Protein backbone atom coordinates (compact mmCIF):
# COMPACT_ATOMS: atom_id res chain seq x y z
CA UNK A 1 -11.98 8.19 7.01
CA UNK A 2 -12.36 5.79 9.93
CA UNK A 3 -8.59 5.80 10.40
CA UNK A 4 -8.54 9.59 10.80
CA UNK A 5 -11.49 9.60 13.19
CA UNK A 6 -9.88 6.82 15.26
CA UNK A 7 -6.61 8.78 15.33
CA UNK A 8 -8.38 11.89 16.57
CA UNK A 9 -10.46 10.10 19.21
CA UNK A 10 -8.10 7.44 20.61
CA UNK A 11 -5.26 8.66 22.80
CA UNK A 12 -3.36 5.37 22.35
CA UNK A 13 -3.16 5.94 18.56
CA UNK A 14 -0.47 8.61 18.01
CA UNK A 15 -0.98 11.24 15.32
CA UNK A 16 2.29 10.27 13.63
CA UNK A 17 1.17 6.67 13.21
CA UNK A 18 -2.26 7.85 12.04
CA UNK A 19 -0.58 9.96 9.35
CA UNK A 20 1.59 7.07 8.18
CA UNK A 21 -1.39 4.71 8.05
CA UNK A 22 -3.45 7.28 6.16
CA UNK A 23 -0.69 7.44 3.53
CA UNK A 24 -0.60 3.62 3.42
CA UNK A 25 -4.35 3.48 2.78
CA UNK A 26 -4.21 6.21 0.09
CA UNK A 27 -1.31 4.53 -1.75
CA UNK A 28 -3.11 1.18 -1.63
CA UNK A 29 -6.22 2.84 -3.07
CA UNK A 30 -4.11 4.32 -5.89
CA UNK A 31 -2.49 0.95 -6.60
CA UNK A 32 -5.90 -0.74 -6.66
CA UNK A 33 -7.26 1.94 -8.99
CA UNK A 34 -4.23 1.51 -11.27
CA UNK A 35 -4.79 -2.25 -11.43
CA UNK A 36 -8.54 -2.00 -12.02
CA UNK A 37 -8.30 0.69 -14.70
CA UNK A 38 -5.27 -0.83 -16.41
CA UNK A 39 -5.48 -3.21 -19.31
CA UNK A 40 -3.92 -6.14 -17.48
CA UNK A 41 -4.66 -9.74 -18.28
CA UNK A 42 -7.32 -11.20 -16.04
CA UNK A 43 -4.93 -13.58 -14.27
CA UNK A 44 -2.68 -10.67 -13.32
CA UNK A 45 -5.64 -8.61 -12.13
CA UNK A 46 -6.95 -11.43 -9.96
CA UNK A 47 -3.57 -12.13 -8.37
CA UNK A 48 -2.93 -8.45 -7.73
CA UNK A 49 -6.38 -8.21 -6.14
CA UNK A 50 -5.04 -10.55 -3.45
CA UNK A 51 -1.48 -9.19 -3.21
CA UNK A 52 -2.32 -5.50 -2.78
CA UNK A 53 -4.64 -5.96 0.25
CA UNK A 54 -2.19 -8.40 1.83
CA UNK A 55 0.68 -5.91 1.54
CA UNK A 56 -1.60 -3.13 2.75
CA UNK A 57 -2.56 -5.13 5.83
CA UNK A 58 1.10 -5.81 6.62
CA UNK A 59 1.98 -2.13 6.12
CA UNK A 60 -0.97 -1.02 8.25
CA UNK A 61 -0.04 -3.32 11.14
CA UNK A 62 3.56 -2.12 10.93
CA UNK A 63 2.26 1.46 11.01
CA UNK A 64 0.27 0.70 14.15
CA UNK A 65 3.14 -0.96 15.99
CA UNK A 66 6.08 1.24 14.98
CA UNK A 67 7.47 3.95 17.25
CA UNK A 68 5.89 7.35 16.83
CA UNK A 69 8.99 9.31 15.83
CA UNK A 70 10.65 9.86 12.49
CA UNK A 71 14.26 9.37 13.58
CA UNK A 72 15.65 5.80 13.62
CA UNK A 73 12.31 4.33 12.55
CA UNK A 74 12.76 1.00 10.78
CA UNK A 75 9.01 0.68 10.40
CA UNK A 76 8.90 3.56 7.91
CA UNK A 77 11.77 2.07 5.96
CA UNK A 78 10.02 -1.32 5.81
CA UNK A 79 6.72 0.28 4.75
CA UNK A 80 8.46 2.27 2.01
CA UNK A 81 10.24 -0.87 0.79
CA UNK A 82 6.96 -2.81 0.63
CA UNK A 83 5.28 0.07 -1.22
CA UNK A 84 8.17 0.28 -3.67
CA UNK A 85 8.08 -3.48 -4.25
CA UNK A 86 4.32 -3.35 -4.78
CA UNK A 87 4.64 -0.44 -7.21
CA UNK A 88 7.45 -2.13 -9.15
CA UNK A 89 5.43 -5.35 -9.31
CA UNK A 90 2.42 -3.53 -10.74
CA UNK A 91 4.62 -1.62 -13.20
CA UNK A 92 6.32 -4.83 -14.38
CA UNK A 93 2.96 -6.53 -14.82
CA UNK A 94 1.67 -3.51 -16.75
CA UNK A 95 4.67 -3.65 -19.08
CA UNK A 96 4.31 -7.41 -19.50
CA UNK A 97 0.60 -7.15 -20.25
CA UNK A 98 1.21 -4.35 -22.76
CA UNK A 99 4.01 -6.32 -24.41
CA UNK A 100 1.97 -9.51 -24.75
CA UNK A 101 -1.10 -7.67 -26.06
CA UNK A 102 0.96 -6.17 -28.90
CA UNK A 103 1.82 -9.61 -30.29
């Protein structure tokens, strides 16, 4: 919410970057919800509780500093790669936790 208000008020914060950062925040919230509602082992949950905000901070800073156009934007590619890595990490941990709880 604060991100959207800041994007609407500040002229130095382009709308494109505000939109990207809003998506970053929403995806991070979904990842955090997935981790907290999943049946992961406690060690995995604790480590993901540190990894997800760290990746989100990196993605958010990249979203602030990247150019405000879609074409030739390496920032978007890097953000998407970090999100994909984060999602794959959570998925792999979910599979591992489910596999070890079946034993």
